All heavy atoms as atom14 arrays in JSON, in Angstrom:
{
  "sequence": "RRAAVEIEKAFRLKGQSSPYTTGFLFPKQSHTADPDV",
  "atom14_mask": [
    [1, 1, 1, 1, 1, 1, 1, 1, 1, 1, 1, 0, 0, 0],
    [1, 1, 1, 1, 1, 1, 1, 1, 1, 1, 1, 0, 0, 0],
    [1, 1, 1, 1, 1, 0, 0, 0, 0, 0, 0, 0, 0, 0],
    [1, 1, 1, 1, 1, 0, 0, 0, 0, 0, 0, 0, 0, 0],
    [1, 1, 1, 1, 1, 1, 1, 0, 0, 0, 0, 0, 0, 0],
    [1, 1, 1, 1, 1, 1, 1, 1, 1, 0, 0, 0, 0, 0],
    [1, 1, 1, 1, 1, 1, 1, 1, 0, 0, 0, 0, 0, 0],
    [1, 1, 1, 1, 1, 1, 1, 1, 1, 0, 0, 0, 0, 0],
    [1, 1, 1, 1, 1, 1, 1, 1, 1, 0, 0, 0, 0, 0],
    [1, 1, 1, 1, 1, 0, 0, 0, 0, 0, 0, 0, 0, 0],
    [1, 1, 1, 1, 1, 1, 1, 1, 1, 1, 1, 0, 0, 0],
    [1, 1, 1, 1, 1, 1, 1, 1, 1, 1, 1, 0, 0, 0],
    [1, 1, 1, 1, 1, 1, 1, 1, 0, 0, 0, 0, 0, 0],
    [1, 1, 1, 1, 1, 1, 1, 1, 1, 0, 0, 0, 0, 0],
    [1, 1, 1, 1, 0, 0, 0, 0, 0, 0, 0, 0, 0, 0],
    [1, 1, 1, 1, 1, 1, 1, 1, 1, 0, 0, 0, 0, 0],
    [1, 1, 1, 1, 1, 1, 0, 0, 0, 0, 0, 0, 0, 0],
    [1, 1, 1, 1, 1, 1, 0, 0, 0, 0, 0, 0, 0, 0],
    [1, 1, 1, 1, 1, 1, 1, 0, 0, 0, 0, 0, 0, 0],
    [1, 1, 1, 1, 1, 1, 1, 1, 1, 1, 1, 1, 0, 0],
    [1, 1, 1, 1, 1, 1, 1, 0, 0, 0, 0, 0, 0, 0],
    [1, 1, 1, 1, 1, 1, 1, 0, 0, 0, 0, 0, 0, 0],
    [1, 1, 1, 1, 0, 0, 0, 0, 0, 0, 0, 0, 0, 0],
    [1, 1, 1, 1, 1, 1, 1, 1, 1, 1, 1, 0, 0, 0],
    [1, 1, 1, 1, 1, 1, 1, 1, 0, 0, 0, 0, 0, 0],
    [1, 1, 1, 1, 1, 1, 1, 1, 1, 1, 1, 0, 0, 0],
    [1, 1, 1, 1, 1, 1, 1, 0, 0, 0, 0, 0, 0, 0],
    [1, 1, 1, 1, 1, 1, 1, 1, 1, 0, 0, 0, 0, 0],
    [1, 1, 1, 1, 1, 1, 1, 1, 1, 0, 0, 0, 0, 0],
    [1, 1, 1, 1, 1, 1, 0, 0, 0, 0, 0, 0, 0, 0],
    [1, 1, 1, 1, 1, 1, 1, 1, 1, 1, 0, 0, 0, 0],
    [1, 1, 1, 1, 1, 1, 1, 0, 0, 0, 0, 0, 0, 0],
    [1, 1, 1, 1, 1, 0, 0, 0, 0, 0, 0, 0, 0, 0],
    [1, 1, 1, 1, 1, 1, 1, 1, 0, 0, 0, 0, 0, 0],
    [1, 1, 1, 1, 1, 1, 1, 0, 0, 0, 0, 0, 0, 0],
    [1, 1, 1, 1, 1, 1, 1, 1, 0, 0, 0, 0, 0, 0],
    [1, 1, 1, 1, 1, 1, 1, 0, 0, 0, 0, 0, 0, 0]
  ],
  "atom14_positions": [
    [[105.12, -4.62, 167.82], [105.26, -5.82, 168.65], [104.41, -5.7, 169.91], [103.7, -6.63, 170.29], [106.7, -6.04, 169.07], [107.58, -6.63, 168.03], [108.95, -6.78, 168.61], [109.79, -7.59, 167.75], [111.07, -7.79, 167.95], [111.67, -7.22, 168.97], [111.76, -8.53, 167.13], [0.0, 0.0, 0.0], [0.0, 0.0, 0.0], [0.0, 0.0, 0.0]],
    [[104.5, -4.55, 170.58], [103.71, -4.34, 171.79], [102.22, -4.39, 171.49], [101.44, -5.01, 172.22], [104.08, -3.0, 172.44], [105.41, -3.03, 173.19], [105.62, -1.78, 174.01], [105.78, -0.58, 173.21], [106.91, -0.17, 172.68], [108.01, -0.88, 172.86], [106.98, 0.93, 171.96], [0.0, 0.0, 0.0], [0.0, 0.0, 0.0], [0.0, 0.0, 0.0]],
    [[101.83, -3.75, 170.4], [100.42, -3.75, 170.01], [99.95, -5.18, 169.71], [98.84, -5.56, 170.09], [100.19, -2.85, 168.81], [0.0, 0.0, 0.0], [0.0, 0.0, 0.0], [0.0, 0.0, 0.0], [0.0, 0.0, 0.0], [0.0, 0.0, 0.0], [0.0, 0.0, 0.0], [0.0, 0.0, 0.0], [0.0, 0.0, 0.0], [0.0, 0.0, 0.0]],
    [[100.78, -5.95, 169.04], [100.41, -7.33, 168.7], [100.15, -8.14, 169.96], [99.17, -8.9, 170.04], [101.51, -7.98, 167.86], [0.0, 0.0, 0.0], [0.0, 0.0, 0.0], [0.0, 0.0, 0.0], [0.0, 0.0, 0.0], [0.0, 0.0, 0.0], [0.0, 0.0, 0.0], [0.0, 0.0, 0.0], [0.0, 0.0, 0.0], [0.0, 0.0, 0.0]],
    [[100.98, -7.97, 170.97], [100.8, -8.7, 172.22], [99.48, -8.3, 172.88], [98.71, -9.16, 173.31], [102.0, -8.44, 173.17], [101.7, -8.97, 174.57], [103.26, -9.09, 172.62], [0.0, 0.0, 0.0], [0.0, 0.0, 0.0], [0.0, 0.0, 0.0], [0.0, 0.0, 0.0], [0.0, 0.0, 0.0], [0.0, 0.0, 0.0], [0.0, 0.0, 0.0]],
    [[99.22, -7.01, 172.95], [98.0, -6.54, 173.59], [96.74, -6.98, 172.83], [95.76, -7.41, 173.43], [98.02, -5.02, 173.76], [99.07, -4.54, 174.73], [98.94, -5.18, 176.11], [97.82, -5.25, 176.64], [99.98, -5.63, 176.64], [0.0, 0.0, 0.0], [0.0, 0.0, 0.0], [0.0, 0.0, 0.0], [0.0, 0.0, 0.0], [0.0, 0.0, 0.0]],
    [[96.79, -6.88, 171.51], [95.64, -7.28, 170.69], [95.4, -8.78, 170.82], [94.27, -9.24, 170.96], [95.85, -6.86, 169.22], [95.85, -5.34, 169.1], [94.79, -7.48, 168.32], [96.37, -4.82, 167.75], [0.0, 0.0, 0.0], [0.0, 0.0, 0.0], [0.0, 0.0, 0.0], [0.0, 0.0, 0.0], [0.0, 0.0, 0.0], [0.0, 0.0, 0.0]],
    [[96.48, -9.56, 170.78], [96.36, -11.02, 170.91], [95.82, -11.41, 172.27], [94.96, -12.29, 172.38], [97.73, -11.69, 170.7], [98.13, -11.83, 169.25], [97.44, -13.02, 168.6], [97.39, -14.12, 169.18], [96.95, -12.83, 167.49], [0.0, 0.0, 0.0], [0.0, 0.0, 0.0], [0.0, 0.0, 0.0], [0.0, 0.0, 0.0], [0.0, 0.0, 0.0]],
    [[96.32, -10.79, 173.33], [95.83, -11.12, 174.67], [94.34, -10.83, 174.79], [93.58, -11.66, 175.31], [96.61, -10.31, 175.73], [97.95, -10.91, 176.03], [98.78, -10.25, 177.11], [98.28, -9.11, 177.87], [99.28, -8.52, 178.8], [0.0, 0.0, 0.0], [0.0, 0.0, 0.0], [0.0, 0.0, 0.0], [0.0, 0.0, 0.0], [0.0, 0.0, 0.0]],
    [[93.91, -9.68, 174.32], [92.5, -9.33, 174.39], [91.65, -10.3, 173.56], [90.57, -10.72, 173.99], [92.28, -7.89, 173.91], [0.0, 0.0, 0.0], [0.0, 0.0, 0.0], [0.0, 0.0, 0.0], [0.0, 0.0, 0.0], [0.0, 0.0, 0.0], [0.0, 0.0, 0.0], [0.0, 0.0, 0.0], [0.0, 0.0, 0.0], [0.0, 0.0, 0.0]],
    [[92.15, -10.68, 172.39], [91.4, -11.55, 171.5], [91.32, -12.98, 172.04], [90.25, -13.57, 172.14], [92.03, -11.54, 170.1], [91.3, -12.39, 169.11], [90.09, -11.98, 168.58], [91.82, -13.61, 168.71], [89.4, -12.77, 167.67], [91.14, -14.4, 167.79], [89.92, -13.98, 167.28], [0.0, 0.0, 0.0], [0.0, 0.0, 0.0], [0.0, 0.0, 0.0]],
    [[92.46, -13.54, 172.4], [92.5, -14.95, 172.8], [92.04, -15.19, 174.24], [91.42, -16.21, 174.52], [93.9, -15.51, 172.6], [94.27, -15.59, 171.13], [95.62, -16.24, 170.93], [96.08, -16.14, 169.57], [95.91, -17.08, 168.66], [95.28, -18.19, 168.97], [96.38, -16.92, 167.45], [0.0, 0.0, 0.0], [0.0, 0.0, 0.0], [0.0, 0.0, 0.0]],
    [[92.36, -14.28, 175.15], [92.01, -14.52, 176.54], [90.65, -13.97, 176.95], [90.0, -14.51, 177.82], [93.09, -13.92, 177.46], [94.5, -14.48, 177.28], [95.48, -13.77, 178.21], [94.52, -15.99, 177.52], [0.0, 0.0, 0.0], [0.0, 0.0, 0.0], [0.0, 0.0, 0.0], [0.0, 0.0, 0.0], [0.0, 0.0, 0.0], [0.0, 0.0, 0.0]],
    [[90.23, -12.88, 176.29], [88.98, -12.24, 176.68], [87.91, -12.28, 175.59], [86.81, -11.82, 175.79], [89.25, -10.79, 177.07], [90.19, -10.64, 178.23], [90.5, -9.19, 178.51], [91.55, -9.05, 179.6], [91.96, -7.67, 179.79], [0.0, 0.0, 0.0], [0.0, 0.0, 0.0], [0.0, 0.0, 0.0], [0.0, 0.0, 0.0], [0.0, 0.0, 0.0]],
    [[88.29, -12.77, 174.4], [87.34, -12.83, 173.3], [86.98, -11.48, 172.72], [85.96, -11.33, 172.05], [0.0, 0.0, 0.0], [0.0, 0.0, 0.0], [0.0, 0.0, 0.0], [0.0, 0.0, 0.0], [0.0, 0.0, 0.0], [0.0, 0.0, 0.0], [0.0, 0.0, 0.0], [0.0, 0.0, 0.0], [0.0, 0.0, 0.0], [0.0, 0.0, 0.0]],
    [[87.82, -10.48, 172.97], [87.56, -9.12, 172.48], [88.19, -8.94, 171.1], [89.37, -9.14, 170.92], [88.15, -8.08, 173.44], [87.54, -8.1, 174.8], [88.25, -7.16, 175.76], [89.36, -6.72, 175.51], [87.59, -6.88, 176.88], [0.0, 0.0, 0.0], [0.0, 0.0, 0.0], [0.0, 0.0, 0.0], [0.0, 0.0, 0.0], [0.0, 0.0, 0.0]],
    [[87.35, -8.54, 170.16], [87.89, -8.28, 168.82], [88.4, -6.84, 168.76], [88.12, -6.03, 169.64], [86.83, -8.52, 167.75], [85.78, -7.61, 167.89], [0.0, 0.0, 0.0], [0.0, 0.0, 0.0], [0.0, 0.0, 0.0], [0.0, 0.0, 0.0], [0.0, 0.0, 0.0], [0.0, 0.0, 0.0], [0.0, 0.0, 0.0], [0.0, 0.0, 0.0]],
    [[89.14, -6.58, 167.73], [89.73, -5.26, 167.49], [89.58, -4.99, 166.0], [89.5, -5.93, 165.2], [91.22, -5.32, 167.86], [91.94, -4.29, 167.22], [0.0, 0.0, 0.0], [0.0, 0.0, 0.0], [0.0, 0.0, 0.0], [0.0, 0.0, 0.0], [0.0, 0.0, 0.0], [0.0, 0.0, 0.0], [0.0, 0.0, 0.0], [0.0, 0.0, 0.0]],
    [[89.55, -3.73, 165.6], [89.54, -3.47, 164.16], [90.72, -4.15, 163.46], [90.62, -4.55, 162.31], [89.65, -1.95, 164.08], [89.07, -1.45, 165.36], [89.45, -2.49, 166.39], [0.0, 0.0, 0.0], [0.0, 0.0, 0.0], [0.0, 0.0, 0.0], [0.0, 0.0, 0.0], [0.0, 0.0, 0.0], [0.0, 0.0, 0.0], [0.0, 0.0, 0.0]],
    [[91.83, -4.34, 164.18], [93.01, -4.99, 163.6], [92.77, -6.46, 163.3], [93.47, -7.05, 162.47], [94.21, -4.85, 164.54], [94.91, -3.53, 164.42], [94.46, -2.43, 165.11], [96.02, -3.36, 163.59], [95.08, -1.19, 164.99], [96.65, -2.14, 163.46], [96.18, -1.07, 164.16], [96.8, 0.15, 164.03], [0.0, 0.0, 0.0], [0.0, 0.0, 0.0]],
    [[91.78, -7.09, 163.95], [91.55, -8.52, 163.76], [90.34, -8.85, 162.89], [90.07, -10.02, 162.63], [91.36, -9.23, 165.13], [90.21, -8.68, 165.78], [92.59, -9.09, 166.0], [0.0, 0.0, 0.0], [0.0, 0.0, 0.0], [0.0, 0.0, 0.0], [0.0, 0.0, 0.0], [0.0, 0.0, 0.0], [0.0, 0.0, 0.0], [0.0, 0.0, 0.0]],
    [[89.61, -7.83, 162.45], [88.36, -8.11, 161.73], [88.43, -7.85, 160.23], [87.48, -8.15, 159.52], [87.21, -7.29, 162.33], [87.54, -5.91, 162.29], [86.94, -7.71, 163.77], [0.0, 0.0, 0.0], [0.0, 0.0, 0.0], [0.0, 0.0, 0.0], [0.0, 0.0, 0.0], [0.0, 0.0, 0.0], [0.0, 0.0, 0.0], [0.0, 0.0, 0.0]],
    [[89.52, -7.3, 159.74], [89.65, -7.03, 158.31], [90.81, -6.09, 158.06], [91.48, -5.64, 158.99], [0.0, 0.0, 0.0], [0.0, 0.0, 0.0], [0.0, 0.0, 0.0], [0.0, 0.0, 0.0], [0.0, 0.0, 0.0], [0.0, 0.0, 0.0], [0.0, 0.0, 0.0], [0.0, 0.0, 0.0], [0.0, 0.0, 0.0], [0.0, 0.0, 0.0]],
    [[91.04, -5.79, 156.81], [92.12, -4.88, 156.46], [91.75, -3.44, 156.8], [90.64, -3.0, 156.53], [92.47, -4.98, 154.97], [93.02, -6.32, 154.58], [92.37, -7.11, 153.66], [94.19, -6.79, 155.16], [92.87, -8.35, 153.31], [94.7, -8.04, 154.82], [94.04, -8.81, 153.89], [0.0, 0.0, 0.0], [0.0, 0.0, 0.0], [0.0, 0.0, 0.0]],
    [[92.69, -2.73, 157.39], [92.49, -1.33, 157.77], [93.09, -0.38, 156.74], [93.17, 0.81, 156.99], [93.11, -1.05, 159.15], [92.51, -1.84, 160.3], [93.24, -1.52, 161.6], [91.03, -1.53, 160.43], [0.0, 0.0, 0.0], [0.0, 0.0, 0.0], [0.0, 0.0, 0.0], [0.0, 0.0, 0.0], [0.0, 0.0, 0.0], [0.0, 0.0, 0.0]],
    [[93.49, -0.91, 155.62], [94.07, -0.1, 154.54], [93.41, -0.49, 153.24], [92.91, -1.6, 153.1], [95.6, -0.26, 154.47], [96.06, -1.7, 154.39], [96.27, -2.31, 153.16], [96.29, -2.44, 155.54], [96.7, -3.62, 153.09], [96.72, -3.75, 155.48], [96.92, -4.34, 154.24], [0.0, 0.0, 0.0], [0.0, 0.0, 0.0], [0.0, 0.0, 0.0]],
    [[93.37, 0.45, 152.28], [92.69, 0.14, 151.02], [93.46, -0.89, 150.2], [94.68, -1.01, 150.31], [92.66, 1.49, 150.3], [93.75, 2.28, 150.91], [93.92, 1.8, 152.32], [0.0, 0.0, 0.0], [0.0, 0.0, 0.0], [0.0, 0.0, 0.0], [0.0, 0.0, 0.0], [0.0, 0.0, 0.0], [0.0, 0.0, 0.0], [0.0, 0.0, 0.0]],
    [[92.7, -1.63, 149.42], [93.3, -2.59, 148.5], [94.19, -1.84, 147.51], [93.81, -0.81, 146.98], [92.2, -3.34, 147.75], [92.71, -4.38, 146.81], [91.55, -5.1, 146.15], [92.07, -6.1, 145.14], [90.97, -6.77, 144.45], [0.0, 0.0, 0.0], [0.0, 0.0, 0.0], [0.0, 0.0, 0.0], [0.0, 0.0, 0.0], [0.0, 0.0, 0.0]],
    [[95.38, -2.36, 147.3], [96.29, -1.72, 146.35], [96.01, -2.21, 144.94], [95.54, -3.32, 144.73], [97.74, -2.03, 146.7], [98.21, -1.35, 147.94], [99.71, -1.45, 148.1], [100.39, -2.18, 147.39], [100.24, -0.7, 149.02], [0.0, 0.0, 0.0], [0.0, 0.0, 0.0], [0.0, 0.0, 0.0], [0.0, 0.0, 0.0], [0.0, 0.0, 0.0]],
    [[96.33, -1.34, 144.01], [96.24, -1.71, 142.61], [97.5, -1.22, 141.92], [98.28, -0.48, 142.49], [95.0, -1.08, 141.98], [95.04, 0.33, 142.11], [0.0, 0.0, 0.0], [0.0, 0.0, 0.0], [0.0, 0.0, 0.0], [0.0, 0.0, 0.0], [0.0, 0.0, 0.0], [0.0, 0.0, 0.0], [0.0, 0.0, 0.0], [0.0, 0.0, 0.0]],
    [[97.7, -1.66, 140.7], [98.89, -1.26, 139.94], [100.17, -1.6, 140.7], [101.06, -0.77, 140.83], [98.86, 0.23, 139.59], [97.58, 0.68, 138.97], [97.18, 0.25, 137.73], [96.6, 1.47, 139.44], [96.0, 0.78, 137.45], [95.62, 1.52, 138.47], [0.0, 0.0, 0.0], [0.0, 0.0, 0.0], [0.0, 0.0, 0.0], [0.0, 0.0, 0.0]],
    [[100.27, -2.82, 141.2], [101.43, -3.21, 141.98], [102.45, -3.98, 141.16], [103.28, -4.69, 141.71], [101.0, -4.06, 143.19], [100.28, -5.19, 142.71], [100.16, -3.26, 144.16], [0.0, 0.0, 0.0], [0.0, 0.0, 0.0], [0.0, 0.0, 0.0], [0.0, 0.0, 0.0], [0.0, 0.0, 0.0], [0.0, 0.0, 0.0], [0.0, 0.0, 0.0]],
    [[102.42, -3.83, 139.85], [103.37, -4.55, 139.0], [104.81, -4.18, 139.34], [105.7, -5.01, 139.29], [103.09, -4.27, 137.53], [0.0, 0.0, 0.0], [0.0, 0.0, 0.0], [0.0, 0.0, 0.0], [0.0, 0.0, 0.0], [0.0, 0.0, 0.0], [0.0, 0.0, 0.0], [0.0, 0.0, 0.0], [0.0, 0.0, 0.0], [0.0, 0.0, 0.0]],
    [[105.05, -2.91, 139.69], [106.38, -2.49, 140.1], [106.41, -2.5, 141.61], [105.81, -1.64, 142.26], [106.69, -1.08, 139.58], [108.08, -0.63, 139.96], [108.78, -1.32, 140.7], [108.47, 0.46, 139.51], [0.0, 0.0, 0.0], [0.0, 0.0, 0.0], [0.0, 0.0, 0.0], [0.0, 0.0, 0.0], [0.0, 0.0, 0.0], [0.0, 0.0, 0.0]],
    [[107.13, -3.47, 142.22], [107.09, -3.57, 143.67], [107.72, -2.38, 144.4], [107.58, -2.29, 145.6], [107.86, -4.85, 143.95], [108.53, -5.24, 142.72], [107.9, -4.5, 141.58], [0.0, 0.0, 0.0], [0.0, 0.0, 0.0], [0.0, 0.0, 0.0], [0.0, 0.0, 0.0], [0.0, 0.0, 0.0], [0.0, 0.0, 0.0], [0.0, 0.0, 0.0]],
    [[108.39, -1.5, 143.7], [108.98, -0.33, 144.34], [108.02, 0.83, 144.39], [108.34, 1.89, 144.95], [110.25, 0.1, 143.62], [111.38, -0.88, 143.85], [111.43, -1.52, 144.9], [112.23, -1.01, 142.96], [0.0, 0.0, 0.0], [0.0, 0.0, 0.0], [0.0, 0.0, 0.0], [0.0, 0.0, 0.0], [0.0, 0.0, 0.0], [0.0, 0.0, 0.0]],
    [[106.84, 0.69, 143.8], [105.87, 1.78, 143.76], [104.58, 1.35, 144.44], [103.96, 0.38, 144.02], [105.57, 2.19, 142.29], [104.53, 3.29, 142.25], [106.84, 2.62, 141.58], [0.0, 0.0, 0.0], [0.0, 0.0, 0.0], [0.0, 0.0, 0.0], [0.0, 0.0, 0.0], [0.0, 0.0, 0.0], [0.0, 0.0, 0.0], [0.0, 0.0, 0.0]]
  ]
}
């Protein structure tokens, strides 16, 4: 929550992008047929 506020403030008020706002920071998942795995 705290990170979201800081990232949003920088993005919306100062026009500063963050790795969090430019794309996924985790690999695409595969084999997700079983939602528990």
